[in-house]
């Protein structure tokens, strides 16, 4: 298992930017896939973006072209740069790590609120 701690959430106006960061308690060299998910009030948790150990990225259609996921192996962190934010991006954002044979670990989440 791995402990994940998110930071960087907050209140921003529509059209603005935020950068989320997730710190891992273990080396991310050992983590197959790192990702960001979000859950808006009354909705199910959904995938936002993932990045594999080889650097391959996948994004939800709703954030393509606006969000960028990156990983820093030296700092054991994964970041989500969010630009052109919309009110519908408002949600609690969770960091996720998938380790082969050990399943998924989740952070406690960070709240992003986008005001219209």
PDB file of N, CA and C in Angstrom:
ATOM      1  N   UNK A   1       0.835  -1.185   0.000  1.00  0.00           N
ATOM      2  CA  UNK A   1       0.000   0.000   0.000  1.00  0.00           C
ATOM      3  C   UNK A   1       0.876   1.243   0.000  1.00  0.00           C
ATOM      4  N   UNK A   2       0.244   2.340  -0.332  1.00  0.00           N
ATOM      5  CA  UNK A   2       0.944   3.613  -0.387  1.00  0.00           C
ATOM      6  C   UNK A   2       0.026   4.683   0.157  1.00  0.00           C
ATOM      7  N   UNK A   3       0.606   5.614   0.882  1.00  0.00           N
ATOM      8  CA  UNK A   3      -0.179   6.761   1.362  1.00  0.00           C
ATOM      9  C   UNK A   3      -0.040   7.911   0.371  1.00  0.00           C
ATOM     10  N   UNK A   4      -1.157   8.538   0.081  1.00  0.00           N
ATOM     11  CA  UNK A   4      -1.199   9.626  -0.880  1.00  0.00           C
ATOM     12  C   UNK A   4      -1.814  10.851  -0.220  1.00  0.00           C
ATOM     13  N   UNK A   5      -1.189  12.000  -0.413  1.00  0.00           N
ATOM     14  CA  UNK A   5      -1.680  13.238   0.181  1.00  0.00           C
ATOM     15  C   UNK A   5      -1.806  14.295  -0.912  1.00  0.00           C
ATOM     16  N   UNK A   6      -3.034  14.741  -1.127  1.00  0.00           N
ATOM     17  CA  UNK A   6      -3.295  15.763  -2.137  1.00  0.00           C
ATOM     18  C   UNK A   6      -3.180  17.174  -1.552  1.00  0.00           C
ATOM     19  N   UNK A   7      -2.868  18.118  -2.416  1.00  0.00           N
ATOM     20  CA  UNK A   7      -2.853  19.526  -2.035  1.00  0.00           C
ATOM     21  C   UNK A   7      -3.123  20.365  -3.266  1.00  0.00           C
ATOM     22  N   UNK A   8      -3.465  21.639  -3.027  1.00  0.00           N
ATOM     23  CA  UNK A   8      -3.622  22.571  -4.138  1.00  0.00           C
ATOM     24  C   UNK A   8      -5.038  22.941  -4.494  1.00  0.00           C
ATOM     25  N   UNK A   9      -6.020  22.325  -3.843  1.00  0.00           N
ATOM     26  CA  UNK A   9      -7.396  22.686  -4.146  1.00  0.00           C
ATOM     27  C   UNK A   9      -7.736  24.070  -3.621  1.00  0.00           C
ATOM     28  N   UNK A  10      -8.915  24.555  -4.007  1.00  0.00           N
ATOM     29  CA  UNK A  10      -9.343  25.862  -3.545  1.00  0.00           C
ATOM     30  C   UNK A  10     -10.454  26.416  -4.392  1.00  0.00           C
ATOM     31  N   UNK A  11     -10.705  27.708  -4.212  1.00  0.00           N
ATOM     32  CA  UNK A  11     -11.752  28.412  -4.937  1.00  0.00           C
ATOM     33  C   UNK A  11     -11.125  29.234  -6.054  1.00  0.00           C
ATOM     34  N   UNK A  12     -11.685  29.119  -7.246  1.00  0.00           N
ATOM     35  CA  UNK A  12     -11.162  29.862  -8.389  1.00  0.00           C
ATOM     36  C   UNK A  12     -12.331  30.309  -9.266  1.00  0.00           C
ATOM     37  N   UNK A  13     -12.146  31.400  -9.964  1.00  0.00           N
ATOM     38  CA  UNK A  13     -13.168  31.874 -10.889  1.00  0.00           C
ATOM     39  C   UNK A  13     -13.118  31.070 -12.185  1.00  0.00           C
ATOM     40  N   UNK A  14     -14.247  30.972 -12.838  1.00  0.00           N
ATOM     41  CA  UNK A  14     -14.299  30.292 -14.133  1.00  0.00           C
ATOM     42  C   UNK A  14     -13.281  30.917 -15.084  1.00  0.00           C
ATOM     43  N   UNK A  15     -12.577  30.052 -15.805  1.00  0.00           N
ATOM     44  CA  UNK A  15     -11.522  30.504 -16.695  1.00  0.00           C
ATOM     45  C   UNK A  15     -10.154  30.517 -16.061  1.00  0.00           C
ATOM     46  N   UNK A  16     -10.111  30.353 -14.755  1.00  0.00           N
ATOM     47  CA  UNK A  16      -8.859  30.365 -14.032  1.00  0.00           C
ATOM     48  C   UNK A  16      -8.148  29.024 -14.045  1.00  0.00           C
ATOM     49  N   UNK A  17      -7.055  28.963 -13.286  1.00  0.00           N
ATOM     50  CA  UNK A  17      -6.222  27.760 -13.246  1.00  0.00           C
ATOM     51  C   UNK A  17      -5.915  27.361 -11.811  1.00  0.00           C
ATOM     52  N   UNK A  18      -5.709  26.075 -11.627  1.00  0.00           N
ATOM     53  CA  UNK A  18      -5.227  25.523 -10.361  1.00  0.00           C
ATOM     54  C   UNK A  18      -4.279  24.388 -10.682  1.00  0.00           C
ATOM     55  N   UNK A  19      -3.365  24.145  -9.771  1.00  0.00           N
ATOM     56  CA  UNK A  19      -2.453  23.012  -9.910  1.00  0.00           C
ATOM     57  C   UNK A  19      -2.572  22.154  -8.663  1.00  0.00           C
ATOM     58  N   UNK A  20      -2.978  20.912  -8.861  1.00  0.00           N
ATOM     59  CA  UNK A  20      -3.069  19.947  -7.779  1.00  0.00           C
ATOM     60  C   UNK A  20      -1.787  19.126  -7.735  1.00  0.00           C
ATOM     61  N   UNK A  21      -1.411  18.754  -6.528  1.00  0.00           N
ATOM     62  CA  UNK A  21      -0.238  17.903  -6.359  1.00  0.00           C
ATOM     63  C   UNK A  21      -0.583  16.767  -5.412  1.00  0.00           C
ATOM     64  N   UNK A  22       0.035  15.639  -5.644  1.00  0.00           N
ATOM     65  CA  UNK A  22      -0.171  14.455  -4.814  1.00  0.00           C
ATOM     66  C   UNK A  22       1.187  13.878  -4.459  1.00  0.00           C
ATOM     67  N   UNK A  23       1.439  13.775  -3.158  1.00  0.00           N
ATOM     68  CA  UNK A  23       2.701  13.223  -2.683  1.00  0.00           C
ATOM     69  C   UNK A  23       2.521  11.772  -2.276  1.00  0.00           C
ATOM     70  N   UNK A  24       3.434  10.934  -2.717  1.00  0.00           N
ATOM     71  CA  UNK A  24       3.388   9.512  -2.423  1.00  0.00           C
ATOM     72  C   UNK A  24       4.367   9.171  -1.310  1.00  0.00           C
ATOM     73  N   UNK A  25       3.972   8.198  -0.466  1.00  0.00           N
ATOM     74  CA  UNK A  25       4.829   7.781   0.635  1.00  0.00           C
ATOM     75  C   UNK A  25       5.912   6.801   0.199  1.00  0.00           C
ATOM     76  N   UNK A  26       5.815   6.317  -1.038  1.00  0.00           N
ATOM     77  CA  UNK A  26       6.824   5.406  -1.554  1.00  0.00           C
ATOM     78  C   UNK A  26       7.264   5.869  -2.934  1.00  0.00           C
ATOM     79  N   UNK A  27       8.346   5.318  -3.380  1.00  0.00           N
ATOM     80  CA  UNK A  27       8.851   5.692  -4.678  1.00  0.00           C
ATOM     81  C   UNK A  27       7.833   5.382  -5.760  1.00  0.00           C
ATOM     82  N   UNK A  28       7.561   6.350  -6.612  1.00  0.00           N
ATOM     83  CA  UNK A  28       6.564   6.116  -7.660  1.00  0.00           C
ATOM     84  C   UNK A  28       7.129   5.290  -8.809  1.00  0.00           C
ATOM     85  N   UNK A  29       8.424   4.953  -8.738  1.00  0.00           N
ATOM     86  CA  UNK A  29       8.970   4.001  -9.706  1.00  0.00           C
ATOM     87  C   UNK A  29       8.255   2.658  -9.589  1.00  0.00           C
ATOM     88  N   UNK A  30       7.757   2.360  -8.386  1.00  0.00           N
ATOM     89  CA  UNK A  30       7.117   1.071  -8.140  1.00  0.00           C
ATOM     90  C   UNK A  30       5.613   1.098  -8.410  1.00  0.00           C
ATOM     91  N   UNK A  31       5.098   2.234  -8.840  1.00  0.00           N
ATOM     92  CA  UNK A  31       3.659   2.392  -9.051  1.00  0.00           C
ATOM     93  C   UNK A  31       3.368   2.356 -10.547  1.00  0.00           C
ATOM     94  N   UNK A  32       2.494   1.442 -10.953  1.00  0.00           N
ATOM     95  CA  UNK A  32       2.206   1.263 -12.372  1.00  0.00           C
ATOM     96  C   UNK A  32       1.490   2.471 -12.971  1.00  0.00           C
ATOM     97  N   UNK A  33       0.422   2.864 -12.288  1.00  0.00           N
ATOM     98  CA  UNK A  33      -0.400   3.941 -12.819  1.00  0.00           C
ATOM     99  C   UNK A  33      -0.761   4.910 -11.699  1.00  0.00           C
ATOM    100  N   UNK A  34      -0.600   6.175 -11.979  1.00  0.00           N
ATOM    101  CA  UNK A  34      -1.036   7.240 -11.069  1.00  0.00           C
ATOM    102  C   UNK A  34      -2.144   8.023 -11.754  1.00  0.00           C
ATOM    103  N   UNK A  35      -3.103   8.440 -10.970  1.00  0.00           N
ATOM    104  CA  UNK A  35      -4.199   9.139 -11.610  1.00  0.00           C
ATOM    105  C   UNK A  35      -4.929  10.092 -10.701  1.00  0.00           C
ATOM    106  N   UNK A  36      -5.774  10.871 -11.337  1.00  0.00           N
ATOM    107  CA  UNK A  36      -6.673  11.778 -10.632  1.00  0.00           C
ATOM    108  C   UNK A  36      -8.105  11.435 -10.999  1.00  0.00           C
ATOM    109  N   UNK A  37      -8.938  11.369  -9.980  1.00  0.00           N
ATOM    110  CA  UNK A  37     -10.355  11.152 -10.139  1.00  0.00           C
ATOM    111  C   UNK A  37     -11.072  12.300  -9.441  1.00  0.00           C
ATOM    112  N   UNK A  38     -12.350  12.452  -9.742  1.00  0.00           N
ATOM    113  CA  UNK A  38     -13.117  13.485  -9.061  1.00  0.00           C
ATOM    114  C   UNK A  38     -14.537  13.014  -8.797  1.00  0.00           C
ATOM    115  N   UNK A  39     -15.121  13.615  -7.782  1.00  0.00           N
ATOM    116  CA  UNK A  39     -16.496  13.288  -7.444  1.00  0.00           C
ATOM    117  C   UNK A  39     -17.231  14.569  -7.111  1.00  0.00           C
ATOM    118  N   UNK A  40     -18.212  14.885  -7.923  1.00  0.00           N
ATOM    119  CA  UNK A  40     -19.049  16.058  -7.687  1.00  0.00           C
ATOM    120  C   UNK A  40     -20.222  15.659  -6.795  1.00  0.00           C
ATOM    121  N   UNK A  41     -20.827  16.607  -6.115  1.00  0.00           N
ATOM    122  CA  UNK A  41     -21.960  16.291  -5.232  1.00  0.00           C
ATOM    123  C   UNK A  41     -23.069  15.558  -5.983  1.00  0.00           C
ATOM    124  N   UNK A  42     -23.499  14.447  -5.413  1.00  0.00           N
ATOM    125  CA  UNK A  42     -24.583  13.685  -6.010  1.00  0.00           C
ATOM    126  C   UNK A  42     -24.199  12.857  -7.218  1.00  0.00           C
ATOM    127  N   UNK A  43     -22.910  12.821  -7.533  1.00  0.00           N
ATOM    128  CA  UNK A  43     -22.474  12.061  -8.699  1.00  0.00           C
ATOM    129  C   UNK A  43     -21.454  11.008  -8.304  1.00  0.00           C
ATOM    130  N   UNK A  44     -21.244  10.057  -9.225  1.00  0.00           N
ATOM    131  CA  UNK A  44     -20.258   9.019  -8.981  1.00  0.00           C
ATOM    132  C   UNK A  44     -18.847   9.546  -9.231  1.00  0.00           C
ATOM    133  N   UNK A  45     -17.890   8.893  -8.607  1.00  0.00           N
ATOM    134  CA  UNK A  45     -16.497   9.249  -8.845  1.00  0.00           C
ATOM    135  C   UNK A  45     -16.143   8.895 -10.288  1.00  0.00           C
ATOM    136  N   UNK A  46     -15.412   9.794 -10.941  1.00  0.00           N
ATOM    137  CA  UNK A  46     -15.059   9.571 -12.332  1.00  0.00           C
ATOM    138  C   UNK A  46     -13.572   9.832 -12.561  1.00  0.00           C
ATOM    139  N   UNK A  47     -13.045   9.164 -13.560  1.00  0.00           N
ATOM    140  CA  UNK A  47     -11.645   9.347 -13.920  1.00  0.00           C
ATOM    141  C   UNK A  47     -11.464  10.703 -14.584  1.00  0.00           C
ATOM    142  N   UNK A  48     -10.386  11.380 -14.204  1.00  0.00           N
ATOM    143  CA  UNK A  48     -10.028  12.651 -14.837  1.00  0.00           C
ATOM    144  C   UNK A  48      -8.823  12.443 -15.754  1.00  0.00           C
ATOM    145  N   UNK A  49      -7.761  11.868 -15.194  1.00  0.00           N
ATOM    146  CA  UNK A  49      -6.535  11.667 -15.972  1.00  0.00           C
ATOM    147  C   UNK A  49      -5.679  10.612 -15.289  1.00  0.00           C
ATOM    148  N   UNK A  50      -4.968   9.846 -16.090  1.00  0.00           N
ATOM    149  CA  UNK A  50      -4.029   8.862 -15.557  1.00  0.00           C
ATOM    150  C   UNK A  50      -2.726   8.946 -16.331  1.00  0.00           C
ATOM    151  N   UNK A  51      -1.649   8.520 -15.671  1.00  0.00           N
ATOM    152  CA  UNK A  51      -0.348   8.458 -16.318  1.00  0.00           C
ATOM    153  C   UNK A  51       0.333   7.174 -15.876  1.00  0.00           C
ATOM    154  N   UNK A  52       0.875   6.445 -16.833  1.00  0.00           N
ATOM    155  CA  UNK A  52       1.522   5.178 -16.527  1.00  0.00           C
ATOM    156  C   UNK A  52       2.997   5.385 -16.206  1.00  0.00           C
ATOM    157  N   UNK A  53       3.641   4.304 -15.781  1.00  0.00           N
ATOM    158  CA  UNK A  53       5.060   4.382 -15.457  1.00  0.00           C
ATOM    159  C   UNK A  53       5.906   4.696 -16.687  1.00  0.00           C
ATOM    160  N   UNK A  54       5.370   4.395 -17.862  1.00  0.00           N
ATOM    161  CA  UNK A  54       6.086   4.701 -19.105  1.00  0.00           C
ATOM    162  C   UNK A  54       5.783   6.098 -19.617  1.00  0.00           C
ATOM    163  N   UNK A  55       4.881   6.804 -18.924  1.00  0.00           N
ATOM    164  CA  UNK A  55       4.563   8.169 -19.307  1.00  0.00           C
ATOM    165  C   UNK A  55       3.358   8.333 -20.202  1.00  0.00           C
ATOM    166  N   UNK A  56       2.676   7.234 -20.490  1.00  0.00           N
ATOM    167  CA  UNK A  56       1.478   7.336 -21.324  1.00  0.00           C
ATOM    168  C   UNK A  56       0.349   7.974 -20.523  1.00  0.00           C
ATOM    169  N   UNK A  57      -0.372   8.876 -21.171  1.00  0.00           N
ATOM    170  CA  UNK A  57      -1.426   9.632 -20.498  1.00  0.00           C
ATOM    171  C   UNK A  57      -2.787   9.369 -21.139  1.00  0.00           C
ATOM    172  N   UNK A  58      -3.803   9.340 -20.313  1.00  0.00           N
ATOM    173  CA  UNK A  58      -5.174   9.290 -20.794  1.00  0.00           C
ATOM    174  C   UNK A  58      -6.003  10.301 -20.024  1.00  0.00           C
ATOM    175  N   UNK A  59      -6.940  10.931 -20.734  1.00  0.00           N
ATOM    176  CA  UNK A  59      -7.771  11.969 -20.127  1.00  0.00           C
ATOM    177  C   UNK A  59      -9.243  11.704 -20.400  1.00  0.00           C
ATOM    178  N   UNK A  60     -10.068  12.144 -19.485  1.00  0.00           N
ATOM    179  CA  UNK A  60     -11.495  12.172 -19.759  1.00  0.00           C
ATOM    180  C   UNK A  60     -11.754  13.180 -20.877  1.00  0.00           C
ATOM    181  N   UNK A  61     -12.737  12.891 -21.708  1.00  0.00           N
ATOM    182  CA  UNK A  61     -13.038  13.794 -22.822  1.00  0.00           C
ATOM    183  C   UNK A  61     -13.347  15.208 -22.331  1.00  0.00           C
ATOM    184  N   UNK A  62     -13.957  15.287 -21.181  1.00  0.00           N
ATOM    185  CA  UNK A  62     -14.395  16.587 -20.668  1.00  0.00           C
ATOM    186  C   UNK A  62     -13.242  17.507 -20.267  1.00  0.00           C
ATOM    187  N   UNK A  63     -12.038  16.945 -20.115  1.00  0.00           N
ATOM    188  CA  UNK A  63     -10.903  17.772 -19.680  1.00  0.00           C
ATOM    189  C   UNK A  63      -9.780  17.834 -20.710  1.00  0.00           C
ATOM    190  N   UNK A  64      -9.903  17.097 -21.791  1.00  0.00           N
ATOM    191  CA  UNK A  64      -8.854  17.099 -22.820  1.00  0.00           C
ATOM    192  C   UNK A  64      -8.607  18.506 -23.338  1.00  0.00           C
ATOM    193  N   UNK A  65      -7.341  18.848 -23.421  1.00  0.00           N
ATOM    194  CA  UNK A  65      -6.968  20.174 -23.894  1.00  0.00           C
ATOM    195  C   UNK A  65      -6.934  21.229 -22.809  1.00  0.00           C
ATOM    196  N   UNK A  66      -7.459  20.906 -21.632  1.00  0.00           N
ATOM    197  CA  UNK A  66      -7.470  21.868 -20.519  1.00  0.00           C
ATOM    198  C   UNK A  66      -6.611  21.411 -19.341  1.00  0.00           C
ATOM    199  N   UNK A  67      -6.597  20.101 -19.099  1.00  0.00           N
ATOM    200  CA  UNK A  67      -5.862  19.557 -17.956  1.00  0.00           C
ATOM    201  C   UNK A  67      -4.629  18.801 -18.452  1.00  0.00           C
ATOM    202  N   UNK A  68      -3.585  18.815 -17.638  1.00  0.00           N
ATOM    203  CA  UNK A  68      -2.375  18.064 -17.951  1.00  0.00           C
ATOM    204  C   UNK A  68      -1.897  17.345 -16.706  1.00  0.00           C
ATOM    205  N   UNK A  69      -1.676  16.036 -16.833  1.00  0.00           N
ATOM    206  CA  UNK A  69      -1.150  15.251 -15.730  1.00  0.00           C
ATOM    207  C   UNK A  69       0.339  15.028 -15.961  1.00  0.00           C
ATOM    208  N   UNK A  70       1.096  15.072 -14.859  1.00  0.00           N
ATOM    209  CA  UNK A  70       2.536  14.848 -14.961  1.00  0.00           C
ATOM    210  C   UNK A  70       3.015  14.164 -13.696  1.00  0.00           C
ATOM    211  N   UNK A  71       4.154  13.509 -13.806  1.00  0.00           N
ATOM    212  CA  UNK A  71       4.728  12.859 -12.642  1.00  0.00           C
ATOM    213  C   UNK A  71       6.174  13.270 -12.492  1.00  0.00           C
ATOM    214  N   UNK A  72       6.619  13.402 -11.255  1.00  0.00           N
ATOM    215  CA  UNK A  72       8.003  13.753 -10.946  1.00  0.00           C
ATOM    216  C   UNK A  72       8.571  12.600 -10.135  1.00  0.00           C
ATOM    217  N   UNK A  73       9.320  11.735 -10.807  1.00  0.00           N
ATOM    218  CA  UNK A  73       9.845  10.549 -10.142  1.00  0.00           C
ATOM    219  C   UNK A  73      10.836  10.900  -9.035  1.00  0.00           C
ATOM    220  N   UNK A  74      11.543  11.977  -9.188  1.00  0.00           N
ATOM    221  CA  UNK A  74      12.525  12.372  -8.176  1.00  0.00           C
ATOM    222  C   UNK A  74      11.855  12.840  -6.885  1.00  0.00           C
ATOM    223  N   UNK A  75      10.689  13.468  -7.025  1.00  0.00           N
ATOM    224  CA  UNK A  75       9.979  13.994  -5.853  1.00  0.00           C
ATOM    225  C   UNK A  75       8.845  13.089  -5.399  1.00  0.00           C
ATOM    226  N   UNK A  76       8.611  12.010  -6.146  1.00  0.00           N
ATOM    227  CA  UNK A  76       7.516  11.080  -5.820  1.00  0.00           C
ATOM    228  C   UNK A  76       6.166  11.799  -5.775  1.00  0.00           C
ATOM    229  N   UNK A  77       5.930  12.602  -6.772  1.00  0.00           N
ATOM    230  CA  UNK A  77       4.673  13.335  -6.835  1.00  0.00           C
ATOM    231  C   UNK A  77       4.031  13.196  -8.211  1.00  0.00           C
ATOM    232  N   UNK A  78       2.739  13.389  -8.236  1.00  0.00           N
ATOM    233  CA  UNK A  78       1.989  13.476  -9.483  1.00  0.00           C
ATOM    234  C   UNK A  78       1.163  14.751  -9.404  1.00  0.00           C
ATOM    235  N   UNK A  79       1.130  15.485 -10.479  1.00  0.00           N
ATOM    236  CA  UNK A  79       0.449  16.770 -10.492  1.00  0.00           C
ATOM    237  C   UNK A  79      -0.644  16.799 -11.555  1.00  0.00           C
ATOM    238  N   UNK A  80      -1.596  17.675 -11.337  1.00  0.00           N
ATOM    239  CA  UNK A  80      -2.650  17.905 -12.323  1.00  0.00           C
ATOM    240  C   UNK A  80      -2.771  19.413 -12.525  1.00  0.00           C
ATOM    241  N   UNK A  81      -2.336  19.878 -13.680  1.00  0.00           N
ATOM    242  CA  UNK A  81      -2.479  21.279 -14.028  1.00  0.00           C
ATOM    243  C   UNK A  81      -3.826  21.475 -14.697  1.00  0.00           C
ATOM    244  N   UNK A  82      -4.645  22.337 -14.116  1.00  0.00           N
ATOM    245  CA  UNK A  82      -6.004  22.536 -14.612  1.00  0.00           C
ATOM    246  C   UNK A  82      -6.151  23.977 -15.097  1.00  0.00           C
ATOM    247  N   UNK A  83      -6.395  24.133 -16.370  1.00  0.00           N
ATOM    248  CA  UNK A  83      -6.575  25.450 -16.974  1.00  0.00           C
ATOM    249  C   UNK A  83      -7.988  25.596 -17.517  1.00  0.00           C
ATOM    250  N   UNK A  84      -8.382  26.823 -17.762  1.00  0.00           N
ATOM    251  CA  UNK A  84      -9.714  27.111 -18.330  1.00  0.00           C
ATOM    252  C   UNK A  84     -10.803  26.400 -17.540  1.00  0.00           C
ATOM    253  N   UNK A  85     -10.742  26.532 -16.248  1.00  0.00           N
ATOM    254  CA  UNK A  85     -11.677  25.814 -15.388  1.00  0.00           C
ATOM    255  C   UNK A  85     -13.106  26.292 -15.588  1.00  0.00           C
ATOM    256  N   UNK A  86     -14.014  25.351 -15.450  1.00  0.00           N
ATOM    257  CA  UNK A  86     -15.441  25.593 -15.627  1.00  0.00           C
ATOM    258  C   UNK A  86     -16.172  25.240 -14.332  1.00  0.00           C
ATOM    259  N   UNK A  87     -17.341  25.822 -14.112  1.00  0.00           N
ATOM    260  CA  UNK A  87     -18.101  25.466 -12.895  1.00  0.00           C
ATOM    261  C   UNK A  87     -18.355  23.962 -12.781  1.00  0.00           C
ATOM    262  N   UNK A  88     -18.502  23.291 -13.900  1.00  0.00           N
ATOM    263  CA  UNK A  88     -18.758  21.853 -13.859  1.00  0.00           C
ATOM    264  C   UNK A  88     -17.523  21.042 -13.469  1.00  0.00           C
ATOM    265  N   UNK A  89     -16.384  21.688 -13.324  1.00  0.00           N
ATOM    266  CA  UNK A  89     -15.199  21.018 -12.804  1.00  0.00           C
ATOM    267  C   UNK A  89     -15.198  20.967 -11.280  1.00  0.00           C
ATOM    268  N   UNK A  90     -16.152  21.628 -10.664  1.00  0.00           N
ATOM    269  CA  UNK A  90     -16.243  21.631  -9.203  1.00  0.00           C
ATOM    270  C   UNK A  90     -16.449  20.211  -8.682  1.00  0.00           C
ATOM    271  N   UNK A  91     -15.572  19.795  -7.771  1.00  0.00           N
ATOM    272  CA  UNK A  91     -15.621  18.429  -7.247  1.00  0.00           C
ATOM    273  C   UNK A  91     -14.520  18.256  -6.207  1.00  0.00           C
ATOM    274  N   UNK A  92     -14.583  17.144  -5.522  1.00  0.00           N
ATOM    275  CA  UNK A  92     -13.449  16.703  -4.714  1.00  0.00           C
ATOM    276  C   UNK A  92     -12.561  15.860  -5.630  1.00  0.00           C
ATOM    277  N   UNK A  93     -11.302  16.212  -5.680  1.00  0.00           N
ATOM    278  CA  UNK A  93     -10.351  15.521  -6.540  1.00  0.00           C
ATOM    279  C   UNK A  93      -9.498  14.574  -5.701  1.00  0.00           C
ATOM    280  N   UNK A  94      -9.416  13.343  -6.169  1.00  0.00           N
ATOM    281  CA  UNK A  94      -8.705  12.291  -5.449  1.00  0.00           C
ATOM    282  C   UNK A  94      -7.520  11.797  -6.270  1.00  0.00           C
ATOM    283  N   UNK A  95      -6.431  11.574  -5.569  1.00  0.00           N
ATOM    284  CA  UNK A  95      -5.255  10.960  -6.172  1.00  0.00           C
ATOM    285  C   UNK A  95      -5.375   9.442  -6.022  1.00  0.00           C
ATOM    286  N   UNK A  96      -4.920   8.733  -7.033  1.00  0.00           N
ATOM    287  CA  UNK A  96      -5.021   7.268  -7.045  1.00  0.00           C
ATOM    288  C   UNK A  96      -3.716   6.660  -7.498  1.00  0.00           C
ATOM    289  N   UNK A  97      -3.352   5.547  -6.872  1.00  0.00           N
ATOM    290  CA  UNK A  97      -2.167   4.798  -7.288  1.00  0.00           C
ATOM    291  C   UNK A  97      -2.539   3.333  -7.454  1.00  0.00           C
ATOM    292  N   UNK A  98      -2.147   2.754  -8.570  1.00  0.00           N
ATOM    293  CA  UNK A  98      -2.384   1.336  -8.820  1.00  0.00           C
ATOM    294  C   UNK A  98      -1.041   0.623  -8.852  1.00  0.00           C
ATOM    295  N   UNK A  99      -0.901  -0.367  -7.971  1.00  0.00           N
ATOM    296  CA  UNK A  99       0.328  -1.135  -7.886  1.00  0.00           C
ATOM    297  C   UNK A  99       0.009  -2.573  -8.264  1.00  0.00           C
ATOM    298  N   UNK A 100       0.777  -3.134  -9.166  1.00  0.00           N
ATOM    299  CA  UNK A 100       0.525  -4.483  -9.656  1.00  0.00           C
ATOM    300  C   UNK A 100       0.466  -5.471  -8.498  1.00  0.00           C
ATOM    301  N   UNK A 101      -0.627  -6.225  -8.446  1.00  0.00           N
ATOM    302  CA  UNK A 101      -0.781  -7.241  -7.414  1.00  0.00           C
ATOM    303  C   UNK A 101      -1.242  -6.729  -6.064  1.00  0.00           C
ATOM    304  N   UNK A 102      -1.355  -5.423  -5.941  1.00  0.00           N
ATOM    305  CA  UNK A 102      -1.729  -4.860  -4.638  1.00  0.00           C
ATOM    306  C   UNK A 102      -2.945  -3.947  -4.723  1.00  0.00           C
ATOM    307  N   UNK A 103      -3.470  -3.712  -5.897  1.00  0.00           N
ATOM    308  CA  UNK A 103      -4.690  -2.937  -6.022  1.00  0.00           C
ATOM    309  C   UNK A 103      -4.460  -1.448  -5.995  1.00  0.00           C
ATOM    310  N   UNK A 104      -5.518  -0.734  -5.587  1.00  0.00           N
ATOM    311  CA  UNK A 104      -5.520   0.715  -5.631  1.00  0.00           C
ATOM    312  C   UNK A 104      -5.408   1.319  -4.243  1.00  0.00           C
ATOM    313  N   UNK A 105      -4.740   2.474  -4.186  1.00  0.00           N
ATOM    314  CA  UNK A 105      -4.716   3.294  -2.976  1.00  0.00           C
ATOM    315  C   UNK A 105      -5.258   4.669  -3.330  1.00  0.00           C
ATOM    316  N   UNK A 106      -5.923   5.290  -2.353  1.00  0.00           N
ATOM    317  CA  UNK A 106      -6.541   6.589  -2.581  1.00  0.00           C
ATOM    318  C   UNK A 106      -6.090   7.599  -1.545  1.00  0.00           C
ATOM    319  N   UNK A 107      -6.009   8.853  -1.978  1.00  0.00           N
ATOM    320  CA  UNK A 107      -5.837   9.930  -1.031  1.00  0.00           C
ATOM    321  C   UNK A 107      -7.184  10.338  -0.462  1.00  0.00           C
ATOM    322  N   UNK A 108      -7.168  11.315   0.452  1.00  0.00           N
ATOM    323  CA  UNK A 108      -8.409  11.745   1.096  1.00  0.00           C
ATOM    324  C   UNK A 108      -9.150  12.803   0.285  1.00  0.00           C
ATOM    325  N   UNK A 109      -8.506  13.348  -0.712  1.00  0.00           N
ATOM    326  CA  UNK A 109      -9.163  14.288  -1.603  1.00  0.00           C
ATOM    327  C   UNK A 109      -8.892  15.735  -1.269  1.00  0.00           C
ATOM    328  N   UNK A 110      -9.051  16.576  -2.286  1.00  0.00           N
ATOM    329  CA  UNK A 110      -8.927  18.018  -2.126  1.00  0.00           C
ATOM    330  C   UNK A 110     -10.054  18.675  -2.922  1.00  0.00           C
ATOM    331  N   UNK A 111     -10.698  19.656  -2.323  1.00  0.00           N
ATOM    332  CA  UNK A 111     -11.871  20.265  -2.916  1.00  0.00           C
ATOM    333  C   UNK A 111     -11.487  21.379  -3.885  1.00  0.00           C
ATOM    334  N   UNK A 112     -12.049  21.297  -5.076  1.00  0.00           N
ATOM    335  CA  UNK A 112     -11.897  22.353  -6.086  1.00  0.00           C
ATOM    336  C   UNK A 112     -13.278  22.950  -6.339  1.00  0.00           C
ATOM    337  N   UNK A 113     -13.383  24.250  -6.158  1.00  0.00           N
ATOM    338  CA  UNK A 113     -14.644  24.944  -6.398  1.00  0.00           C
ATOM    339  C   UNK A 113     -14.413  26.016  -7.457  1.00  0.00           C
ATOM    340  N   UNK A 114     -15.181  25.947  -8.536  1.00  0.00           N
ATOM    341  CA  UNK A 114     -15.059  26.909  -9.624  1.00  0.00           C
ATOM    342  C   UNK A 114     -16.318  27.775  -9.640  1.00  0.00           C
ATOM    343  N   UNK A 115     -16.139  29.049  -9.376  1.00  0.00           N
ATOM    344  CA  UNK A 115     -17.268  29.970  -9.329  1.00  0.00           C
ATOM    345  C   UNK A 115     -17.559  30.528 -10.722  1.00  0.00           C
ATOM    346  N   UNK A 116     -18.849  30.633 -11.007  1.00  0.00           N
ATOM    347  CA  UNK A 116     -19.256  31.134 -12.331  1.00  0.00           C
ATOM    348  C   UNK A 116     -18.989  32.626 -12.484  1.00  0.00           C
TER     349      UNK A 116
END
